[in-house]
Amino acid sequence: MIKVSNVTKTFDGFTALNQLNLNVDKGSVYGLIGPNGAGKTTIIKNLCGIYRPDEGDILIDNQPVYENNAIKQRMIYISDELFFYSTYSIKAAADMYSKIYPKWDWNRYQNMKEVFKMDDKRKIRRLSKGMQKQVAFWLGISACPDIMILDEPVDGLDPVMRRNVWSLVLSDVAENETTVLISSHNLRELEDVCDHVGIMFNGKVVLEKSLDDVKGNIHKVQTAFADGIPDELIRKLKPLHISEFGSVKTMIVKGVTEDIKAQIAKYNPLICDILPLTLEEVFIYELGGMGYEFENIIL
């Protein structure tokens, strides 16, 4: 569906994207995460055809995106920084969207009133940021896009509305195979909605896998030994991070669960528990292994 190959983008000598590769399958929900300055918004603007790459290709269904109106008419982009014409009401914006997007559905638009509960005669500029974000989703979902690209999409929404918005988006994924790419710092929320994840660092996607594979390859191991953890075991496991609480050591280890357990069992541990990691922990320790600094946080 979306294929990004060796894309480079520079601004005044600064390399924002550096030979970046990214793949999003049709009907998937792809979470794009990374530290500030990693290049997430830059690649999103390239995906939407706002920027043109200096090098490389960005294809959607094997067609280039830049200056391709047919592809853009299948895509909705909801940014963290929303823009609406200052004189437009919600209904006026809907009229404009209906002329741009061939699959616009007025019945869906009317049904969405029951979710967002706003008078569509209201001027959008007079609404709060959170309500403007709701309008963006109201219009975006009514356009029936094949692709939704969302940059910090639910910031400013209250918990109930966040749940409603995600329910609407995921219903479209399930029923219409809508393809969704989400960039967000709320990793706990992404963990609930995404099936694939890409981690960006220094202008590249450094890890790209299904969420289950990402979390299945890295583990939190809690151990305790009568005479302390053997140095030989640490050399074998090559932990990304070690913390200590009393006699219990917690290690972040990559590898297959059974292999890790077998290695530890050779040294007769008093305790050996292997716990699942959250997406936030995977993010911290994957980037920590690449030299991204973080504090010694017990998670």
C-alpha atoms as a PDB file:
ATOM      1  CA  MET A   1       0.000   0.000   0.000  1.00  0.00           C
ATOM      2  CA  ILE A   2       2.578   2.595   1.179  1.00  0.00           C
ATOM      3  CA  LYS A   3       6.197   2.021   0.219  1.00  0.00           C
ATOM      4  CA  VAL A   4       8.971   4.472   1.067  1.00  0.00           C
ATOM      5  CA  SER A   5      12.374   3.632  -0.408  1.00  0.00           C
ATOM      6  CA  ASN A   6      15.677   5.341   0.451  1.00  0.00           C
ATOM      7  CA  VAL A   7      14.115   8.769   1.023  1.00  0.00           C
ATOM      8  CA  THR A   8      16.407  11.659   1.929  1.00  0.00           C
ATOM      9  CA  LYS A   9      15.232  15.183   2.738  1.00  0.00           C
ATOM     10  CA  THR A  10      17.444  18.074   3.786  1.00  0.00           C
ATOM     11  CA  PHE A  11      16.722  21.622   4.942  1.00  0.00           C
ATOM     12  CA  ASP A  12      19.531  24.204   4.711  1.00  0.00           C
ATOM     13  CA  GLY A  13      22.173  21.513   5.031  1.00  0.00           C
ATOM     14  CA  PHE A  14      20.389  19.639   7.848  1.00  0.00           C
ATOM     15  CA  THR A  15      19.474  16.048   6.969  1.00  0.00           C
ATOM     16  CA  ALA A  16      15.976  15.445   8.359  1.00  0.00           C
ATOM     17  CA  LEU A  17      15.506  12.103   6.582  1.00  0.00           C
ATOM     18  CA  ASN A  18      18.462   9.882   5.770  1.00  0.00           C
ATOM     19  CA  GLN A  19      17.862   7.009   3.311  1.00  0.00           C
ATOM     20  CA  LEU A  20      14.627   6.176   5.118  1.00  0.00           C
ATOM     21  CA  ASN A  21      12.649   3.019   4.288  1.00  0.00           C
ATOM     22  CA  LEU A  22       9.109   2.354   5.476  1.00  0.00           C
ATOM     23  CA  ASN A  23       6.353  -0.093   4.484  1.00  0.00           C
ATOM     24  CA  VAL A  24       2.683  -0.005   5.471  1.00  0.00           C
ATOM     25  CA  ASP A  25       0.360  -2.825   4.399  1.00  0.00           C
ATOM     26  CA  LYS A  26      -3.207  -2.231   3.254  1.00  0.00           C
ATOM     27  CA  GLY A  27      -5.698  -2.358   6.109  1.00  0.00           C
ATOM     28  CA  SER A  28      -3.055  -2.109   8.831  1.00  0.00           C
ATOM     29  CA  VAL A  29      -2.699   0.414  11.660  1.00  0.00           C
ATOM     30  CA  TYR A  30       0.936   1.507  11.712  1.00  0.00           C
ATOM     31  CA  GLY A  31       2.369   3.421  14.671  1.00  0.00           C
ATOM     32  CA  LEU A  32       5.333   5.668  13.885  1.00  0.00           C
ATOM     33  CA  ILE A  33       7.273   6.556  17.025  1.00  0.00           C
ATOM     34  CA  GLY A  34      10.552   8.250  17.828  1.00  0.00           C
ATOM     35  CA  PRO A  35      12.149  10.990  19.921  1.00  0.00           C
ATOM     36  CA  ASN A  36      11.665  14.668  19.144  1.00  0.00           C
ATOM     37  CA  GLY A  37      13.600  15.612  16.025  1.00  0.00           C
ATOM     38  CA  ALA A  38      13.705  12.058  14.641  1.00  0.00           C
ATOM     39  CA  GLY A  39      11.949  13.152  11.431  1.00  0.00           C
ATOM     40  CA  LYS A  40       8.409  11.867  12.006  1.00  0.00           C
ATOM     41  CA  THR A  41       6.571  14.991  10.862  1.00  0.00           C
ATOM     42  CA  THR A  42       8.946  15.394   7.920  1.00  0.00           C
ATOM     43  CA  ILE A  43       8.235  11.904   6.565  1.00  0.00           C
ATOM     44  CA  ILE A  44       4.499  12.450   7.117  1.00  0.00           C
ATOM     45  CA  LYS A  45       4.605  15.636   5.040  1.00  0.00           C
ATOM     46  CA  ASN A  46       6.464  13.726   2.340  1.00  0.00           C
ATOM     47  CA  LEU A  47       3.833  10.974   2.463  1.00  0.00           C
ATOM     48  CA  CYS A  48       1.096  13.574   2.002  1.00  0.00           C
ATOM     49  CA  GLY A  49       2.853  15.190  -0.945  1.00  0.00           C
ATOM     50  CA  ILE A  50       3.478  18.454   0.910  1.00  0.00           C
ATOM     51  CA  TYR A  51       7.253  18.002   0.574  1.00  0.00           C
ATOM     52  CA  ARG A  52       9.105  16.452  -2.327  1.00  0.00           C
ATOM     53  CA  PRO A  53      11.970  14.100  -1.367  1.00  0.00           C
ATOM     54  CA  ASP A  54      15.478  15.094  -2.426  1.00  0.00           C
ATOM     55  CA  GLU A  55      16.189  11.427  -3.110  1.00  0.00           C
ATOM     56  CA  GLY A  56      14.236   8.192  -3.061  1.00  0.00           C
ATOM     57  CA  ASP A  57      10.656   7.173  -3.844  1.00  0.00           C
ATOM     58  CA  ILE A  58       7.329   7.430  -2.031  1.00  0.00           C
ATOM     59  CA  LEU A  59       4.673   5.234  -3.614  1.00  0.00           C
ATOM     60  CA  ILE A  60       1.058   4.496  -2.731  1.00  0.00           C
ATOM     61  CA  ASP A  61      -0.326   1.581  -4.725  1.00  0.00           C
ATOM     62  CA  ASN A  62       2.821   1.875  -6.869  1.00  0.00           C
ATOM     63  CA  GLN A  63       2.069   5.503  -7.775  1.00  0.00           C
ATOM     64  CA  PRO A  64       4.131   8.522  -6.713  1.00  0.00           C
ATOM     65  CA  VAL A  65       2.376  10.834  -4.261  1.00  0.00           C
ATOM     66  CA  TYR A  66       3.858  14.217  -5.101  1.00  0.00           C
ATOM     67  CA  GLU A  67       1.523  16.257  -7.371  1.00  0.00           C
ATOM     68  CA  ASN A  68      -0.751  13.235  -7.757  1.00  0.00           C
ATOM     69  CA  ASN A  69      -4.297  14.492  -7.131  1.00  0.00           C
ATOM     70  CA  ALA A  70      -5.883  11.069  -7.629  1.00  0.00           C
ATOM     71  CA  ILE A  71      -3.852   9.646  -4.736  1.00  0.00           C
ATOM     72  CA  LYS A  72      -4.424  12.688  -2.523  1.00  0.00           C
ATOM     73  CA  GLN A  73      -8.192  12.392  -3.030  1.00  0.00           C
ATOM     74  CA  ARG A  74      -7.967   8.988  -1.334  1.00  0.00           C
ATOM     75  CA  MET A  75      -6.066  10.336   1.669  1.00  0.00           C
ATOM     76  CA  ILE A  76      -6.969  12.285   4.806  1.00  0.00           C
ATOM     77  CA  TYR A  77      -4.239  13.995   6.824  1.00  0.00           C
ATOM     78  CA  ILE A  78      -5.083  15.196  10.345  1.00  0.00           C
ATOM     79  CA  SER A  79      -2.264  17.251  11.787  1.00  0.00           C
ATOM     80  CA  ASP A  80      -1.621  18.370  15.336  1.00  0.00           C
ATOM     81  CA  GLU A  81      -1.719  21.934  13.948  1.00  0.00           C
ATOM     82  CA  LEU A  82      -5.150  22.232  12.369  1.00  0.00           C
ATOM     83  CA  PHE A  83      -6.106  24.766   9.721  1.00  0.00           C
ATOM     84  CA  PHE A  84      -9.617  25.809   8.743  1.00  0.00           C
ATOM     85  CA  TYR A  85     -10.700  28.868   6.794  1.00  0.00           C
ATOM     86  CA  SER A  86     -11.579  31.536   9.328  1.00  0.00           C
ATOM     87  CA  THR A  87     -15.068  32.254   7.966  1.00  0.00           C
ATOM     88  CA  TYR A  88     -16.127  28.605   7.559  1.00  0.00           C
ATOM     89  CA  SER A  89     -18.794  26.867   9.560  1.00  0.00           C
ATOM     90  CA  ILE A  90     -18.621  23.094   9.980  1.00  0.00           C
ATOM     91  CA  LYS A  91     -21.227  22.722   7.220  1.00  0.00           C
ATOM     92  CA  ALA A  92     -19.276  25.014   4.868  1.00  0.00           C
ATOM     93  CA  ALA A  93     -16.148  22.931   5.453  1.00  0.00           C
ATOM     94  CA  ALA A  94     -18.189  19.779   4.767  1.00  0.00           C
ATOM     95  CA  ASP A  95     -19.416  21.272   1.478  1.00  0.00           C
ATOM     96  CA  MET A  96     -15.800  21.927   0.485  1.00  0.00           C
ATOM     97  CA  TYR A  97     -14.713  18.390   1.427  1.00  0.00           C
ATOM     98  CA  SER A  98     -17.600  16.914  -0.581  1.00  0.00           C
ATOM     99  CA  LYS A  99     -16.232  18.597  -3.715  1.00  0.00           C
ATOM    100  CA  ILE A 100     -12.672  17.372  -3.093  1.00  0.00           C
ATOM    101  CA  TYR A 101     -13.203  13.768  -2.010  1.00  0.00           C
ATOM    102  CA  PRO A 102     -15.069  11.534  -4.520  1.00  0.00           C
ATOM    103  CA  LYS A 103     -16.182   9.059  -1.835  1.00  0.00           C
ATOM    104  CA  TRP A 104     -17.673  11.719   0.452  1.00  0.00           C
ATOM    105  CA  ASP A 105     -20.757  10.311   2.205  1.00  0.00           C
ATOM    106  CA  TRP A 106     -23.442  12.759   3.398  1.00  0.00           C
ATOM    107  CA  ASN A 107     -25.303  10.003   5.249  1.00  0.00           C
ATOM    108  CA  ARG A 108     -22.179   9.247   7.226  1.00  0.00           C
ATOM    109  CA  TYR A 109     -21.702  12.950   7.880  1.00  0.00           C
ATOM    110  CA  GLN A 110     -25.216  13.190   9.338  1.00  0.00           C
ATOM    111  CA  ASN A 111     -24.689  10.054  11.440  1.00  0.00           C
ATOM    112  CA  MET A 112     -21.493  11.535  12.862  1.00  0.00           C
ATOM    113  CA  LYS A 113     -23.556  14.330  14.428  1.00  0.00           C
ATOM    114  CA  GLU A 114     -24.711  11.790  17.003  1.00  0.00           C
ATOM    115  CA  VAL A 115     -21.076  11.157  17.965  1.00  0.00           C
ATOM    116  CA  PHE A 116     -19.700  14.696  17.974  1.00  0.00           C
ATOM    117  CA  LYS A 117     -22.909  16.471  19.061  1.00  0.00           C
ATOM    118  CA  MET A 118     -22.136  19.865  17.537  1.00  0.00           C
ATOM    119  CA  ASP A 119     -24.316  22.255  15.575  1.00  0.00           C
ATOM    120  CA  ASP A 120     -22.729  22.282  12.125  1.00  0.00           C
ATOM    121  CA  LYS A 121     -23.715  25.939  11.653  1.00  0.00           C
ATOM    122  CA  ARG A 122     -21.077  26.946  14.224  1.00  0.00           C
ATOM    123  CA  LYS A 123     -17.958  28.746  12.975  1.00  0.00           C
ATOM    124  CA  ILE A 124     -14.973  26.463  13.401  1.00  0.00           C
ATOM    125  CA  ARG A 125     -12.595  29.244  14.496  1.00  0.00           C
ATOM    126  CA  ARG A 126     -14.791  29.897  17.534  1.00  0.00           C
ATOM    127  CA  LEU A 127     -14.425  26.327  18.777  1.00  0.00           C
ATOM    128  CA  SER A 128     -11.826  25.147  21.271  1.00  0.00           C
ATOM    129  CA  LYS A 129      -8.795  23.222  20.016  1.00  0.00           C
ATOM    130  CA  GLY A 130     -10.318  19.959  21.221  1.00  0.00           C
ATOM    131  CA  MET A 131     -13.586  20.657  19.404  1.00  0.00           C
ATOM    132  CA  GLN A 132     -11.699  21.625  16.248  1.00  0.00           C
ATOM    133  CA  LYS A 133      -9.929  18.274  16.436  1.00  0.00           C
ATOM    134  CA  GLN A 134     -13.345  16.592  16.629  1.00  0.00           C
ATOM    135  CA  VAL A 135     -14.417  18.506  13.515  1.00  0.00           C
ATOM    136  CA  ALA A 136     -11.292  17.287  11.706  1.00  0.00           C
ATOM    137  CA  PHE A 137     -12.231  13.674  12.468  1.00  0.00           C
ATOM    138  CA  TRP A 138     -15.905  14.289  11.643  1.00  0.00           C
ATOM    139  CA  LEU A 139     -14.965  15.584   8.194  1.00  0.00           C
ATOM    140  CA  GLY A 140     -12.138  13.100   7.675  1.00  0.00           C
ATOM    141  CA  ILE A 141     -14.225  10.036   8.452  1.00  0.00           C
ATOM    142  CA  SER A 142     -17.130  11.330   6.325  1.00  0.00           C
ATOM    143  CA  ALA A 143     -14.723  11.523   3.357  1.00  0.00           C
ATOM    144  CA  CYS A 144     -14.394   7.699   3.471  1.00  0.00           C
ATOM    145  CA  PRO A 145     -10.645   7.743   2.755  1.00  0.00           C
ATOM    146  CA  ASP A 146      -8.570   4.720   1.806  1.00  0.00           C
ATOM    147  CA  ILE A 147      -5.676   6.136   3.834  1.00  0.00           C
ATOM    148  CA  MET A 148      -5.629   8.154   7.052  1.00  0.00           C
ATOM    149  CA  ILE A 149      -2.392   9.811   8.167  1.00  0.00           C
ATOM    150  CA  LEU A 150      -2.623  11.120  11.717  1.00  0.00           C
ATOM    151  CA  ASP A 151      -0.029  13.264  13.523  1.00  0.00           C
ATOM    152  CA  GLU A 152      -0.674  13.409  17.304  1.00  0.00           C
ATOM    153  CA  PRO A 153      -4.331  12.853  16.414  1.00  0.00           C
ATOM    154  CA  VAL A 154      -6.171  12.825  19.733  1.00  0.00           C
ATOM    155  CA  ASP A 155      -4.273  15.483  21.679  1.00  0.00           C
ATOM    156  CA  GLY A 156      -6.801  17.832  23.253  1.00  0.00           C
ATOM    157  CA  LEU A 157      -9.645  15.297  23.315  1.00  0.00           C
ATOM    158  CA  ASP A 158     -11.200  14.159  26.584  1.00  0.00           C
ATOM    159  CA  PRO A 159     -10.986  10.421  27.436  1.00  0.00           C
ATOM    160  CA  VAL A 160     -14.525   9.602  26.267  1.00  0.00           C
ATOM    161  CA  MET A 161     -14.074  11.348  22.925  1.00  0.00           C
ATOM    162  CA  ARG A 162     -10.659   9.723  22.446  1.00  0.00           C
ATOM    163  CA  ARG A 163     -12.327   6.334  22.829  1.00  0.00           C
ATOM    164  CA  ASN A 164     -15.100   7.306  20.408  1.00  0.00           C
ATOM    165  CA  VAL A 165     -12.637   8.532  17.781  1.00  0.00           C
ATOM    166  CA  TRP A 166     -10.489   5.408  17.967  1.00  0.00           C
ATOM    167  CA  SER A 167     -13.610   3.258  17.747  1.00  0.00           C
ATOM    168  CA  LEU A 168     -14.669   5.033  14.549  1.00  0.00           C
ATOM    169  CA  VAL A 169     -11.211   4.769  12.997  1.00  0.00           C
ATOM    170  CA  LEU A 170     -10.783   1.086  13.872  1.00  0.00           C
ATOM    171  CA  SER A 171     -14.270   0.301  12.577  1.00  0.00           C
ATOM    172  CA  ASP A 172     -13.213   1.698   9.205  1.00  0.00           C
ATOM    173  CA  VAL A 173     -10.071  -0.436   9.315  1.00  0.00           C
ATOM    174  CA  ALA A 174     -12.111  -3.573  10.027  1.00  0.00           C
ATOM    175  CA  GLU A 175     -14.976  -2.896   7.610  1.00  0.00           C
ATOM    176  CA  ASN A 176     -13.304  -1.034   4.737  1.00  0.00           C
ATOM    177  CA  GLU A 177      -9.610  -1.991   5.071  1.00  0.00           C
ATOM    178  CA  THR A 178      -8.673   1.628   5.637  1.00  0.00           C
ATOM    179  CA  THR A 179      -4.920   1.995   6.028  1.00  0.00           C
ATOM    180  CA  VAL A 180      -3.896   4.151   9.005  1.00  0.00           C
ATOM    181  CA  LEU A 181      -0.502   5.621   9.881  1.00  0.00           C
ATOM    182  CA  ILE A 182      -0.283   7.302  13.284  1.00  0.00           C
ATOM    183  CA  SER A 183       2.532   9.359  14.753  1.00  0.00           C
ATOM    184  CA  SER A 184       2.186   9.934  18.483  1.00  0.00           C
ATOM    185  CA  HIS A 185       4.146  10.231  21.705  1.00  0.00           C
ATOM    186  CA  ASN A 186       1.320   8.504  23.581  1.00  0.00           C
ATOM    187  CA  LEU A 187       2.791   5.018  23.320  1.00  0.00           C
ATOM    188  CA  ARG A 188       0.300   3.506  25.747  1.00  0.00           C
ATOM    189  CA  GLU A 189      -2.522   4.507  23.425  1.00  0.00           C
ATOM    190  CA  LEU A 190      -0.707   3.310  20.303  1.00  0.00           C
ATOM    191  CA  GLU A 191      -0.223  -0.055  21.954  1.00  0.00           C
ATOM    192  CA  ASP A 192      -4.008  -0.448  22.079  1.00  0.00           C
ATOM    193  CA  VAL A 193      -4.690   0.434  18.433  1.00  0.00           C
ATOM    194  CA  CYS A 194      -1.642  -0.467  16.317  1.00  0.00           C
ATOM    195  CA  ASP A 195      -0.754  -3.798  14.759  1.00  0.00           C
ATOM    196  CA  HIS A 196       2.583  -2.633  13.288  1.00  0.00           C
ATOM    197  CA  VAL A 197       5.169  -0.210  14.589  1.00  0.00           C
ATOM    198  CA  GLY A 198       8.141   1.669  13.194  1.00  0.00           C
ATOM    199  CA  ILE A 199      10.739   3.310  15.442  1.00  0.00           C
ATOM    200  CA  MET A 200      12.519   6.354  13.993  1.00  0.00           C
ATOM    201  CA  PHE A 201      15.879   7.694  15.080  1.00  0.00           C
ATOM    202  CA  ASN A 202      18.147  10.234  13.353  1.00  0.00           C
ATOM    203  CA  GLY A 203      16.051  10.355  10.189  1.00  0.00           C
ATOM    204  CA  LYS A 204      15.781   6.592   9.703  1.00  0.00           C
ATOM    205  CA  VAL A 205      13.338   3.841  10.600  1.00  0.00           C
ATOM    206  CA  VAL A 206      15.610   1.683  12.741  1.00  0.00           C
ATOM    207  CA  LEU A 207      13.035  -0.979  13.596  1.00  0.00           C
ATOM    208  CA  GLU A 208       9.876  -1.994  11.719  1.00  0.00           C
ATOM    209  CA  LYS A 209       7.840  -5.045  12.732  1.00  0.00           C
ATOM    210  CA  SER A 210       4.432  -6.211  13.805  1.00  0.00           C
ATOM    211  CA  LEU A 211       3.734  -5.128  17.368  1.00  0.00           C
ATOM    212  CA  ASP A 212       3.666  -8.738  18.559  1.00  0.00           C
ATOM    213  CA  ASP A 213       7.104  -9.400  17.032  1.00  0.00           C
ATOM    214  CA  VAL A 214       8.566  -6.205  18.485  1.00  0.00           C
ATOM    215  CA  LYS A 215       7.396  -7.073  21.982  1.00  0.00           C
ATOM    216  CA  GLY A 216       8.197 -10.773  21.596  1.00  0.00           C
ATOM    217  CA  ASN A 217      11.896 -10.254  20.918  1.00  0.00           C
ATOM    218  CA  ILE A 218      12.769  -8.161  23.975  1.00  0.00           C
ATOM    219  CA  HIS A 219      12.040  -9.143  27.575  1.00  0.00           C
ATOM    220  CA  LYS A 220      12.187  -7.899  31.144  1.00  0.00           C
ATOM    221  CA  VAL A 221      13.937 -10.605  33.190  1.00  0.00           C
ATOM    222  CA  GLN A 222      13.859 -10.544  36.998  1.00  0.00           C
ATOM    223  CA  THR A 223      16.361 -12.829  38.713  1.00  0.00           C
ATOM    224  CA  ALA A 224      17.918 -13.447  42.099  1.00  0.00           C
ATOM    225  CA  PHE A 225      20.794 -15.774  43.040  1.00  0.00           C
ATOM    226  CA  ALA A 226      22.152 -16.901  46.403  1.00  0.00           C
ATOM    227  CA  ASP A 227      25.570 -15.353  45.686  1.00  0.00           C
ATOM    228  CA  GLY A 228      24.606 -12.647  43.228  1.00  0.00           C
ATOM    229  CA  ILE A 229      24.154 -12.891  39.490  1.00  0.00           C
ATOM    230  CA  PRO A 230      27.124 -14.627  37.827  1.00  0.00           C
ATOM    231  CA  ASP A 231      29.273 -12.421  35.581  1.00  0.00           C
ATOM    232  CA  GLU A 232      29.366 -15.229  33.018  1.00  0.00           C
ATOM    233  CA  LEU A 233      25.561 -15.138  32.707  1.00  0.00           C
ATOM    234  CA  ILE A 234      25.610 -11.392  32.105  1.00  0.00           C
ATOM    235  CA  ARG A 235      28.200 -11.872  29.354  1.00  0.00           C
ATOM    236  CA  LYS A 236      26.007 -14.507  27.705  1.00  0.00           C
ATOM    237  CA  LEU A 237      22.730 -12.597  27.931  1.00  0.00           C
ATOM    238  CA  LYS A 238      24.242  -9.222  26.910  1.00  0.00           C
ATOM    239  CA  PRO A 239      21.451  -7.200  28.577  1.00  0.00           C
ATOM    240  CA  LEU A 240      20.533  -3.801  27.175  1.00  0.00           C
ATOM    241  CA  HIS A 241      19.972  -2.520  30.690  1.00  0.00           C
ATOM    242  CA  ILE A 242      20.369  -3.748  34.287  1.00  0.00           C
ATOM    243  CA  SER A 243      18.749  -2.331  37.405  1.00  0.00           C
ATOM    244  CA  GLU A 244      18.783  -3.630  40.981  1.00  0.00           C
ATOM    245  CA  PHE A 245      16.254  -3.576  43.806  1.00  0.00           C
ATOM    246  CA  GLY A 246      17.538  -5.356  46.882  1.00  0.00           C
ATOM    247  CA  SER A 247      18.719  -8.804  45.840  1.00  0.00           C
ATOM    248  CA  VAL A 248      16.593  -8.833  42.677  1.00  0.00           C
ATOM    249  CA  LYS A 249      18.185  -7.786  39.407  1.00  0.00           C
ATOM    250  CA  THR A 250      16.016  -6.695  36.483  1.00  0.00           C
ATOM    251  CA  MET A 251      17.561  -7.086  33.040  1.00  0.00           C
ATOM    252  CA  ILE A 252      16.268  -6.061  29.612  1.00  0.00           C
ATOM    253  CA  VAL A 253      17.312  -8.861  27.278  1.00  0.00           C
ATOM    254  CA  LYS A 254      16.826  -9.583  23.585  1.00  0.00           C
ATOM    255  CA  GLY A 255      16.226 -13.114  22.418  1.00  0.00           C
ATOM    256  CA  VAL A 256      13.868 -16.083  22.467  1.00  0.00           C
ATOM    257  CA  THR A 257      12.095 -16.639  25.792  1.00  0.00           C
ATOM    258  CA  GLU A 258      12.939 -20.350  26.017  1.00  0.00           C
ATOM    259  CA  ASP A 259      16.618 -19.731  25.269  1.00  0.00           C
ATOM    260  CA  ILE A 260      16.845 -17.039  27.950  1.00  0.00           C
ATOM    261  CA  LYS A 261      15.192 -19.294  30.541  1.00  0.00           C
ATOM    262  CA  ALA A 262      17.528 -22.171  29.651  1.00  0.00           C
ATOM    263  CA  GLN A 263      20.623 -19.987  30.058  1.00  0.00           C
ATOM    264  CA  ILE A 264      19.492 -18.715  33.462  1.00  0.00           C
ATOM    265  CA  ALA A 265      18.433 -22.179  34.695  1.00  0.00           C
ATOM    266  CA  LYS A 266      22.041 -23.417  34.383  1.00  0.00           C
ATOM    267  CA  TYR A 267      22.995 -21.180  37.327  1.00  0.00           C
ATOM    268  CA  ASN A 268      20.224 -22.315  39.725  1.00  0.00           C
ATOM    269  CA  PRO A 269      18.409 -19.012  40.294  1.00  0.00           C
ATOM    270  CA  LEU A 270      16.292 -18.411  43.377  1.00  0.00           C
ATOM    271  CA  ILE A 271      13.913 -16.340  41.198  1.00  0.00           C
ATOM    272  CA  CYS A 272      13.480 -16.247  37.438  1.00  0.00           C
ATOM    273  CA  ASP A 273      10.515 -14.334  36.036  1.00  0.00           C
ATOM    274  CA  ILE A 274      10.197 -13.136  32.447  1.00  0.00           C
ATOM    275  CA  LEU A 275       7.706 -10.282  32.135  1.00  0.00           C
ATOM    276  CA  PRO A 276       6.148  -8.627  29.072  1.00  0.00           C
ATOM    277  CA  LEU A 277       7.330  -5.155  28.107  1.00  0.00           C
ATOM    278  CA  THR A 278       5.097  -2.253  27.176  1.00  0.00           C
ATOM    279  CA  LEU A 279       5.651  -0.441  23.879  1.00  0.00           C
ATOM    280  CA  GLU A 280       7.046   2.472  25.886  1.00  0.00           C
ATOM    281  CA  GLU A 281       9.685   0.210  27.420  1.00  0.00           C
ATOM    282  CA  VAL A 282      10.559  -1.311  24.036  1.00  0.00           C
ATOM    283  CA  PHE A 283      11.014   2.205  22.655  1.00  0.00           C
ATOM    284  CA  ILE A 284      13.248   3.291  25.548  1.00  0.00           C
ATOM    285  CA  TYR A 285      15.497   0.255  25.509  1.00  0.00           C
ATOM    286  CA  GLU A 286      15.752  -0.122  21.724  1.00  0.00           C
ATOM    287  CA  LEU A 287      16.932   3.476  21.421  1.00  0.00           C
ATOM    288  CA  GLY A 288      19.051   3.151  24.550  1.00  0.00           C
ATOM    289  CA  GLY A 289      20.968   0.415  22.757  1.00  0.00           C
ATOM    290  CA  MET A 290      21.628   2.875  19.920  1.00  0.00           C
ATOM    291  CA  GLY A 291      23.068   5.541  22.164  1.00  0.00           C
ATOM    292  CA  TYR A 292      19.918   7.561  22.859  1.00  0.00           C
ATOM    293  CA  GLU A 293      20.309   8.748  26.433  1.00  0.00           C
ATOM    294  CA  PHE A 294      17.665   8.205  29.078  1.00  0.00           C
ATOM    295  CA  GLU A 295      17.541   8.241  32.832  1.00  0.00           C
ATOM    296  CA  ASN A 296      17.663   5.077  34.927  1.00  0.00           C
ATOM    297  CA  ILE A 297      13.888   4.695  35.153  1.00  0.00           C
ATOM    298  CA  ILE A 298      12.272   1.652  36.769  1.00  0.00           C
ATOM    299  CA  LEU A 299       9.263   0.768  34.611  1.00  0.00           C
END
